[in-house]
Amino acid sequence: MTDDVAHNTNDRTDELPRTDDEWRAKLSPAEFRVLRRAGTEAPWTGEYVDTKTQGVYHCRACGAKLFDSVTKFDSHCGWPSFTDYLPGSVIEIEDRSLGMVRTEIRCARCDSHLGHVFRGEMMTPENTRHCVNSISIRLEPGSGSPPS
């Protein structure tokens, strides 16, 4: 991990699991499938799809801050959607699975799968939709800005 990544993810110094067995001990089977195996939860089933609560969304695997609620919007896609992430908190990786080219988003601190980012859909002024699995994040209420 670089100093920049550690700094941008709240200066957390606790050690992360390194092996699949260590991750399995920390996460539920469903969390492990999505976060560590890049799975996807079924649309409209996640706990944060319709949430309007003010706060900050953290990585469920490592606790790093990822998204402020002010960037959450209703995209009607079945998963929580955000226009942007907190600086330095997310990395983007080309994803050629499922016979298409997409951009996967992962936690910059622990490399856990969050979802995908889509650009050019004209859904927001930012023209960007970070489509995130609810099971990949945890909301800390009251510590962010209210969603629009």
N, C-alpha and C. Protein backbone atom coordinates (compact mmCIF):
# COMPACT_ATOMS: atom_id res chain seq x y z
N MET A 1 0.86 -1.17 0.00
CA MET A 1 0.00 0.00 0.00
C MET A 1 0.90 1.23 0.00
N THR A 2 0.57 2.21 -0.80
CA THR A 2 1.36 3.42 -0.86
C THR A 2 0.96 4.36 0.26
N ASP A 3 1.84 5.31 0.55
CA ASP A 3 1.51 6.31 1.57
C ASP A 3 0.29 7.12 1.17
N ASP A 4 0.15 7.41 -0.14
CA ASP A 4 -1.00 8.18 -0.62
C ASP A 4 -2.31 7.44 -0.33
N VAL A 5 -2.35 6.15 -0.60
CA VAL A 5 -3.57 5.39 -0.36
C VAL A 5 -3.88 5.37 1.12
N ALA A 6 -2.89 5.10 1.96
CA ALA A 6 -3.14 5.08 3.40
C ALA A 6 -3.65 6.44 3.88
N HIS A 7 -3.07 7.52 3.37
CA HIS A 7 -3.49 8.85 3.77
C HIS A 7 -4.93 9.14 3.31
N ASN A 8 -5.26 8.78 2.10
CA ASN A 8 -6.58 9.08 1.56
C ASN A 8 -7.68 8.20 2.11
N THR A 9 -7.35 7.20 2.86
CA THR A 9 -8.38 6.33 3.43
C THR A 9 -8.37 6.40 4.94
N ASN A 10 -8.27 7.60 5.47
CA ASN A 10 -8.45 7.89 6.88
C ASN A 10 -7.27 7.48 7.75
N ASP A 11 -6.07 7.32 7.15
CA ASP A 11 -4.88 6.96 7.91
C ASP A 11 -5.09 5.72 8.77
N ARG A 12 -5.88 4.77 8.30
CA ARG A 12 -6.13 3.54 9.04
C ARG A 12 -4.86 2.70 9.02
N THR A 13 -4.46 2.20 10.18
CA THR A 13 -3.24 1.42 10.26
C THR A 13 -3.49 -0.03 10.64
N ASP A 14 -4.75 -0.40 10.94
CA ASP A 14 -5.01 -1.79 11.28
C ASP A 14 -4.74 -2.68 10.06
N GLU A 15 -4.21 -3.84 10.32
CA GLU A 15 -3.81 -4.73 9.25
C GLU A 15 -5.02 -5.41 8.62
N LEU A 16 -5.00 -5.52 7.32
CA LEU A 16 -6.08 -6.15 6.58
C LEU A 16 -5.82 -7.64 6.42
N PRO A 17 -6.88 -8.42 6.28
CA PRO A 17 -6.69 -9.84 5.96
C PRO A 17 -5.88 -9.97 4.66
N ARG A 18 -5.09 -11.02 4.56
CA ARG A 18 -4.26 -11.22 3.38
C ARG A 18 -4.68 -12.43 2.56
N THR A 19 -5.26 -13.41 3.19
CA THR A 19 -5.63 -14.64 2.47
C THR A 19 -7.14 -14.75 2.35
N ASP A 20 -7.58 -15.60 1.44
CA ASP A 20 -9.02 -15.86 1.32
C ASP A 20 -9.60 -16.38 2.63
N ASP A 21 -8.87 -17.25 3.32
CA ASP A 21 -9.37 -17.79 4.59
C ASP A 21 -9.54 -16.68 5.63
N GLU A 22 -8.62 -15.73 5.66
CA GLU A 22 -8.75 -14.60 6.59
C GLU A 22 -9.94 -13.73 6.22
N TRP A 23 -10.16 -13.49 4.93
CA TRP A 23 -11.32 -12.71 4.49
C TRP A 23 -12.62 -13.45 4.81
N ARG A 24 -12.63 -14.76 4.60
CA ARG A 24 -13.84 -15.56 4.90
C ARG A 24 -14.20 -15.49 6.39
N ALA A 25 -13.18 -15.43 7.24
CA ALA A 25 -13.42 -15.33 8.68
C ALA A 25 -14.00 -13.97 9.05
N LYS A 26 -13.69 -12.95 8.29
CA LYS A 26 -14.14 -11.57 8.57
C LYS A 26 -15.51 -11.26 7.97
N LEU A 27 -15.80 -11.83 6.79
CA LEU A 27 -17.00 -11.49 6.03
C LEU A 27 -18.01 -12.64 6.03
N SER A 28 -19.29 -12.30 5.84
CA SER A 28 -20.30 -13.34 5.65
C SER A 28 -20.08 -13.97 4.27
N PRO A 29 -20.66 -15.14 4.01
CA PRO A 29 -20.50 -15.75 2.68
C PRO A 29 -20.98 -14.83 1.55
N ALA A 30 -22.08 -14.12 1.75
CA ALA A 30 -22.59 -13.21 0.71
C ALA A 30 -21.65 -12.03 0.51
N GLU A 31 -21.13 -11.47 1.60
CA GLU A 31 -20.17 -10.38 1.50
C GLU A 31 -18.90 -10.83 0.78
N PHE A 32 -18.41 -12.01 1.12
CA PHE A 32 -17.20 -12.54 0.49
C PHE A 32 -17.41 -12.70 -1.01
N ARG A 33 -18.55 -13.25 -1.42
CA ARG A 33 -18.84 -13.47 -2.84
C ARG A 33 -18.80 -12.16 -3.63
N VAL A 34 -19.36 -11.10 -3.08
CA VAL A 34 -19.40 -9.82 -3.79
C VAL A 34 -18.07 -9.07 -3.64
N LEU A 35 -17.63 -8.89 -2.42
CA LEU A 35 -16.44 -8.07 -2.16
C LEU A 35 -15.14 -8.69 -2.66
N ARG A 36 -14.97 -9.99 -2.49
CA ARG A 36 -13.69 -10.62 -2.82
C ARG A 36 -13.72 -11.42 -4.12
N ARG A 37 -14.92 -11.73 -4.64
CA ARG A 37 -15.04 -12.49 -5.88
C ARG A 37 -15.76 -11.71 -6.98
N ALA A 38 -15.98 -10.42 -6.74
CA ALA A 38 -16.61 -9.52 -7.72
C ALA A 38 -17.98 -9.99 -8.16
N GLY A 39 -18.73 -10.53 -7.21
CA GLY A 39 -20.10 -10.92 -7.49
C GLY A 39 -21.01 -9.69 -7.51
N THR A 40 -22.28 -9.93 -7.77
CA THR A 40 -23.28 -8.86 -7.81
C THR A 40 -24.51 -9.32 -7.05
N GLU A 41 -25.02 -8.46 -6.18
CA GLU A 41 -26.27 -8.79 -5.51
C GLU A 41 -27.42 -8.55 -6.48
N ALA A 42 -28.52 -9.24 -6.28
CA ALA A 42 -29.68 -9.08 -7.16
C ALA A 42 -30.20 -7.64 -7.09
N PRO A 43 -30.67 -7.09 -8.22
CA PRO A 43 -31.20 -5.72 -8.20
C PRO A 43 -32.40 -5.61 -7.27
N TRP A 44 -32.55 -4.44 -6.68
CA TRP A 44 -33.64 -4.05 -5.79
C TRP A 44 -33.65 -4.81 -4.48
N THR A 45 -32.60 -5.57 -4.14
CA THR A 45 -32.57 -6.34 -2.90
C THR A 45 -31.68 -5.72 -1.84
N GLY A 46 -30.81 -4.80 -2.20
CA GLY A 46 -29.85 -4.23 -1.25
C GLY A 46 -30.48 -3.25 -0.28
N GLU A 47 -29.90 -3.17 0.89
CA GLU A 47 -30.47 -2.33 1.95
C GLU A 47 -30.37 -0.83 1.67
N TYR A 48 -29.51 -0.40 0.75
CA TYR A 48 -29.33 1.04 0.52
C TYR A 48 -29.91 1.55 -0.80
N VAL A 49 -30.66 0.73 -1.51
CA VAL A 49 -31.21 1.16 -2.81
C VAL A 49 -32.01 2.44 -2.67
N ASP A 50 -32.91 2.49 -1.71
CA ASP A 50 -33.81 3.63 -1.56
C ASP A 50 -33.47 4.53 -0.37
N THR A 51 -32.36 4.31 0.26
CA THR A 51 -31.98 5.08 1.45
C THR A 51 -31.73 6.54 1.11
N LYS A 52 -32.29 7.42 1.92
CA LYS A 52 -32.08 8.87 1.78
C LYS A 52 -31.36 9.43 3.00
N THR A 53 -30.91 8.57 3.88
CA THR A 53 -30.26 8.99 5.12
C THR A 53 -28.96 9.72 4.85
N GLN A 54 -28.78 10.83 5.55
CA GLN A 54 -27.54 11.60 5.47
C GLN A 54 -26.42 10.82 6.15
N GLY A 55 -25.24 10.82 5.54
CA GLY A 55 -24.10 10.15 6.16
C GLY A 55 -22.99 9.86 5.17
N VAL A 56 -22.09 9.01 5.60
CA VAL A 56 -20.95 8.61 4.78
C VAL A 56 -21.00 7.09 4.63
N TYR A 57 -20.78 6.64 3.41
CA TYR A 57 -20.75 5.21 3.11
C TYR A 57 -19.31 4.72 3.16
N HIS A 58 -19.09 3.65 3.92
CA HIS A 58 -17.77 3.06 4.11
C HIS A 58 -17.70 1.70 3.42
N CYS A 59 -16.49 1.26 3.12
CA CYS A 59 -16.27 -0.08 2.60
C CYS A 59 -16.65 -1.08 3.70
N ARG A 60 -17.48 -2.04 3.37
CA ARG A 60 -17.90 -3.03 4.36
C ARG A 60 -16.74 -3.96 4.74
N ALA A 61 -15.76 -4.11 3.87
CA ALA A 61 -14.64 -5.01 4.17
C ALA A 61 -13.60 -4.38 5.08
N CYS A 62 -13.25 -3.11 4.85
CA CYS A 62 -12.14 -2.51 5.61
C CYS A 62 -12.50 -1.24 6.37
N GLY A 63 -13.67 -0.66 6.11
CA GLY A 63 -14.09 0.53 6.84
C GLY A 63 -13.68 1.85 6.23
N ALA A 64 -12.96 1.84 5.11
CA ALA A 64 -12.53 3.10 4.49
C ALA A 64 -13.74 3.91 4.03
N LYS A 65 -13.67 5.23 4.16
CA LYS A 65 -14.73 6.11 3.69
C LYS A 65 -14.69 6.13 2.16
N LEU A 66 -15.87 5.97 1.53
CA LEU A 66 -15.94 5.88 0.07
C LEU A 66 -16.82 6.97 -0.57
N PHE A 67 -18.05 7.13 -0.08
CA PHE A 67 -19.02 8.02 -0.72
C PHE A 67 -19.73 8.87 0.33
N ASP A 68 -19.94 10.14 0.02
CA ASP A 68 -20.75 11.02 0.84
C ASP A 68 -22.19 10.93 0.33
N SER A 69 -23.15 10.94 1.23
CA SER A 69 -24.55 10.82 0.83
C SER A 69 -25.01 11.93 -0.11
N VAL A 70 -24.33 13.08 -0.11
CA VAL A 70 -24.72 14.17 -1.00
C VAL A 70 -24.58 13.75 -2.47
N THR A 71 -23.75 12.74 -2.74
CA THR A 71 -23.55 12.30 -4.13
C THR A 71 -24.46 11.15 -4.53
N LYS A 72 -25.30 10.67 -3.60
CA LYS A 72 -26.22 9.57 -3.90
C LYS A 72 -27.44 10.10 -4.64
N PHE A 73 -27.88 9.36 -5.66
CA PHE A 73 -29.07 9.77 -6.40
C PHE A 73 -29.87 8.54 -6.81
N ASP A 74 -31.13 8.76 -7.13
CA ASP A 74 -32.03 7.66 -7.52
C ASP A 74 -31.91 7.43 -9.02
N SER A 75 -31.21 6.38 -9.38
CA SER A 75 -30.99 6.08 -10.80
C SER A 75 -31.99 5.08 -11.36
N HIS A 76 -32.81 4.49 -10.49
CA HIS A 76 -33.81 3.49 -10.90
C HIS A 76 -33.16 2.27 -11.56
N CYS A 77 -31.93 1.94 -11.14
CA CYS A 77 -31.23 0.79 -11.74
C CYS A 77 -31.26 -0.44 -10.83
N GLY A 78 -31.69 -0.29 -9.58
CA GLY A 78 -31.75 -1.43 -8.68
C GLY A 78 -30.61 -1.52 -7.69
N TRP A 79 -29.64 -0.61 -7.80
CA TRP A 79 -28.51 -0.56 -6.88
C TRP A 79 -28.29 0.89 -6.46
N PRO A 80 -27.69 1.12 -5.31
CA PRO A 80 -27.36 2.50 -4.92
C PRO A 80 -26.43 3.12 -5.97
N SER A 81 -26.66 4.38 -6.28
CA SER A 81 -25.87 5.08 -7.28
C SER A 81 -25.34 6.39 -6.72
N PHE A 82 -24.11 6.70 -7.08
CA PHE A 82 -23.43 7.90 -6.61
C PHE A 82 -22.79 8.60 -7.79
N THR A 83 -22.79 9.94 -7.77
CA THR A 83 -22.15 10.68 -8.86
C THR A 83 -20.63 10.68 -8.73
N ASP A 84 -20.12 10.54 -7.50
CA ASP A 84 -18.67 10.59 -7.31
C ASP A 84 -18.31 9.91 -6.00
N TYR A 85 -17.05 9.62 -5.84
CA TYR A 85 -16.53 9.03 -4.61
C TYR A 85 -15.61 10.03 -3.93
N LEU A 86 -15.27 9.78 -2.69
CA LEU A 86 -14.35 10.65 -1.96
C LEU A 86 -12.96 10.52 -2.59
N PRO A 87 -12.22 11.61 -2.68
CA PRO A 87 -10.92 11.59 -3.34
C PRO A 87 -9.99 10.49 -2.81
N GLY A 88 -9.42 9.73 -3.74
CA GLY A 88 -8.46 8.69 -3.41
C GLY A 88 -9.03 7.42 -2.83
N SER A 89 -10.36 7.30 -2.75
CA SER A 89 -10.97 6.15 -2.07
C SER A 89 -11.29 4.98 -2.98
N VAL A 90 -11.37 5.21 -4.28
CA VAL A 90 -11.81 4.18 -5.23
C VAL A 90 -10.81 4.09 -6.38
N ILE A 91 -10.59 2.87 -6.84
CA ILE A 91 -9.79 2.66 -8.05
C ILE A 91 -10.68 2.07 -9.13
N GLU A 92 -10.34 2.37 -10.37
CA GLU A 92 -11.10 1.88 -11.52
C GLU A 92 -10.25 0.87 -12.28
N ILE A 93 -10.89 -0.22 -12.70
CA ILE A 93 -10.20 -1.30 -13.42
C ILE A 93 -11.07 -1.73 -14.60
N GLU A 94 -10.46 -1.90 -15.76
CA GLU A 94 -11.21 -2.39 -16.92
C GLU A 94 -11.72 -3.80 -16.64
N ASP A 95 -12.98 -4.03 -16.94
CA ASP A 95 -13.64 -5.31 -16.71
C ASP A 95 -14.20 -5.82 -18.04
N ARG A 96 -13.66 -6.93 -18.53
CA ARG A 96 -14.09 -7.50 -19.81
C ARG A 96 -14.93 -8.76 -19.60
N SER A 97 -15.48 -8.94 -18.40
CA SER A 97 -16.32 -10.11 -18.15
C SER A 97 -17.69 -9.93 -18.81
N LEU A 98 -18.41 -10.99 -18.91
CA LEU A 98 -19.77 -10.99 -19.45
C LEU A 98 -19.84 -10.53 -20.91
N GLY A 99 -18.74 -10.63 -21.64
CA GLY A 99 -18.74 -10.31 -23.06
C GLY A 99 -18.87 -8.83 -23.38
N MET A 100 -18.52 -7.96 -22.44
CA MET A 100 -18.60 -6.52 -22.67
C MET A 100 -17.44 -5.84 -21.96
N VAL A 101 -17.22 -4.58 -22.28
CA VAL A 101 -16.19 -3.80 -21.60
C VAL A 101 -16.88 -2.82 -20.66
N ARG A 102 -16.55 -2.94 -19.37
CA ARG A 102 -17.08 -2.03 -18.36
C ARG A 102 -15.92 -1.57 -17.50
N THR A 103 -16.22 -0.68 -16.56
CA THR A 103 -15.19 -0.23 -15.63
C THR A 103 -15.63 -0.62 -14.22
N GLU A 104 -14.87 -1.53 -13.63
CA GLU A 104 -15.12 -1.98 -12.27
C GLU A 104 -14.57 -0.94 -11.30
N ILE A 105 -15.25 -0.76 -10.16
CA ILE A 105 -14.72 0.09 -9.10
C ILE A 105 -14.44 -0.77 -7.87
N ARG A 106 -13.28 -0.49 -7.27
CA ARG A 106 -12.83 -1.23 -6.09
C ARG A 106 -12.38 -0.25 -5.01
N CYS A 107 -12.43 -0.70 -3.78
CA CYS A 107 -11.91 0.08 -2.66
C CYS A 107 -10.41 0.22 -2.84
N ALA A 108 -9.90 1.45 -2.75
CA ALA A 108 -8.47 1.68 -2.91
C ALA A 108 -7.66 1.12 -1.75
N ARG A 109 -8.27 0.96 -0.59
CA ARG A 109 -7.54 0.48 0.57
C ARG A 109 -7.38 -1.04 0.58
N CYS A 110 -8.47 -1.78 0.31
CA CYS A 110 -8.42 -3.23 0.46
C CYS A 110 -8.67 -4.00 -0.84
N ASP A 111 -8.89 -3.28 -1.94
CA ASP A 111 -9.09 -3.88 -3.26
C ASP A 111 -10.37 -4.71 -3.35
N SER A 112 -11.35 -4.40 -2.53
CA SER A 112 -12.63 -5.12 -2.58
C SER A 112 -13.52 -4.54 -3.67
N HIS A 113 -14.27 -5.42 -4.33
CA HIS A 113 -15.19 -5.05 -5.40
C HIS A 113 -16.36 -4.25 -4.82
N LEU A 114 -16.66 -3.12 -5.45
CA LEU A 114 -17.80 -2.29 -5.05
C LEU A 114 -18.92 -2.35 -6.06
N GLY A 115 -18.59 -2.30 -7.35
CA GLY A 115 -19.58 -2.28 -8.41
C GLY A 115 -18.92 -1.83 -9.70
N HIS A 116 -19.62 -0.99 -10.45
CA HIS A 116 -19.11 -0.48 -11.73
C HIS A 116 -19.45 0.99 -11.88
N VAL A 117 -18.69 1.68 -12.70
CA VAL A 117 -18.97 3.08 -13.00
C VAL A 117 -19.37 3.16 -14.47
N PHE A 118 -20.38 3.98 -14.74
CA PHE A 118 -20.89 4.18 -16.09
C PHE A 118 -20.86 5.68 -16.40
N ARG A 119 -20.40 6.00 -17.57
CA ARG A 119 -20.31 7.41 -17.99
C ARG A 119 -21.09 7.59 -19.29
N GLY A 120 -21.57 8.81 -19.49
CA GLY A 120 -22.24 9.14 -20.74
C GLY A 120 -23.72 8.80 -20.79
N GLU A 121 -24.33 8.53 -19.66
CA GLU A 121 -25.75 8.17 -19.62
C GLU A 121 -26.67 9.37 -19.50
N MET A 122 -26.11 10.53 -19.21
CA MET A 122 -26.87 11.77 -19.07
C MET A 122 -27.90 11.71 -17.93
N MET A 123 -27.59 10.96 -16.88
CA MET A 123 -28.51 10.85 -15.73
C MET A 123 -28.31 11.98 -14.73
N THR A 124 -27.12 12.57 -14.72
CA THR A 124 -26.79 13.63 -13.77
C THR A 124 -25.96 14.68 -14.49
N PRO A 125 -25.84 15.87 -13.92
CA PRO A 125 -24.95 16.87 -14.52
C PRO A 125 -23.50 16.39 -14.64
N GLU A 126 -23.09 15.51 -13.70
CA GLU A 126 -21.72 14.97 -13.74
C GLU A 126 -21.57 13.91 -14.83
N ASN A 127 -22.70 13.38 -15.32
CA ASN A 127 -22.72 12.38 -16.38
C ASN A 127 -22.00 11.10 -15.98
N THR A 128 -22.03 10.79 -14.67
CA THR A 128 -21.36 9.61 -14.14
C THR A 128 -22.26 8.92 -13.12
N ARG A 129 -22.29 7.58 -13.18
CA ARG A 129 -23.07 6.79 -12.23
C ARG A 129 -22.18 5.67 -11.68
N HIS A 130 -21.86 5.78 -10.40
CA HIS A 130 -21.15 4.72 -9.70
C HIS A 130 -22.22 3.79 -9.13
N CYS A 131 -22.40 2.66 -9.75
CA CYS A 131 -23.43 1.69 -9.39
C CYS A 131 -22.80 0.70 -8.40
N VAL A 132 -23.26 0.72 -7.15
CA VAL A 132 -22.59 0.03 -6.06
C VAL A 132 -23.50 -1.01 -5.42
N ASN A 133 -22.94 -2.16 -5.13
CA ASN A 133 -23.67 -3.19 -4.39
C ASN A 133 -23.85 -2.73 -2.94
N SER A 134 -25.07 -2.78 -2.43
CA SER A 134 -25.31 -2.40 -1.02
C SER A 134 -24.45 -3.23 -0.08
N ILE A 135 -24.26 -4.49 -0.40
CA ILE A 135 -23.51 -5.39 0.48
C ILE A 135 -22.02 -5.02 0.54
N SER A 136 -21.57 -4.16 -0.37
CA SER A 136 -20.17 -3.71 -0.38
C SER A 136 -19.93 -2.50 0.51
N ILE A 137 -21.01 -1.87 0.98
CA ILE A 137 -20.87 -0.63 1.74
C ILE A 137 -21.65 -0.69 3.05
N ARG A 138 -21.30 0.21 3.94
CA ARG A 138 -22.02 0.36 5.21
C ARG A 138 -22.17 1.85 5.46
N LEU A 139 -23.37 2.28 5.80
CA LEU A 139 -23.67 3.70 6.02
C LEU A 139 -23.41 4.08 7.48
N GLU A 140 -22.65 5.16 7.65
CA GLU A 140 -22.48 5.79 8.95
C GLU A 140 -23.40 7.01 8.93
N PRO A 141 -24.59 6.91 9.55
CA PRO A 141 -25.56 8.01 9.48
C PRO A 141 -25.07 9.28 10.16
N GLY A 142 -25.53 10.40 9.60
CA GLY A 142 -25.33 11.69 10.23
C GLY A 142 -24.00 12.35 10.06
N SER A 143 -23.09 11.75 9.34
CA SER A 143 -21.77 12.33 9.25
C SER A 143 -21.45 12.89 7.87
N GLY A 144 -22.44 12.93 6.99
CA GLY A 144 -22.21 13.45 5.65
C GLY A 144 -23.20 14.54 5.33
N SER A 145 -23.38 14.78 4.07
CA SER A 145 -24.33 15.77 3.60
C SER A 145 -25.62 15.08 3.18
N PRO A 146 -26.76 15.78 3.25
CA PRO A 146 -28.01 15.15 2.84
C PRO A 146 -28.02 14.88 1.33
N PRO A 147 -28.59 13.72 0.91
CA PRO A 147 -28.66 13.44 -0.54
C PRO A 147 -29.60 14.41 -1.22
N SER A 148 -29.37 14.63 -2.49
CA SER A 148 -30.23 15.56 -3.24
C SER A 148 -31.45 14.85 -3.77
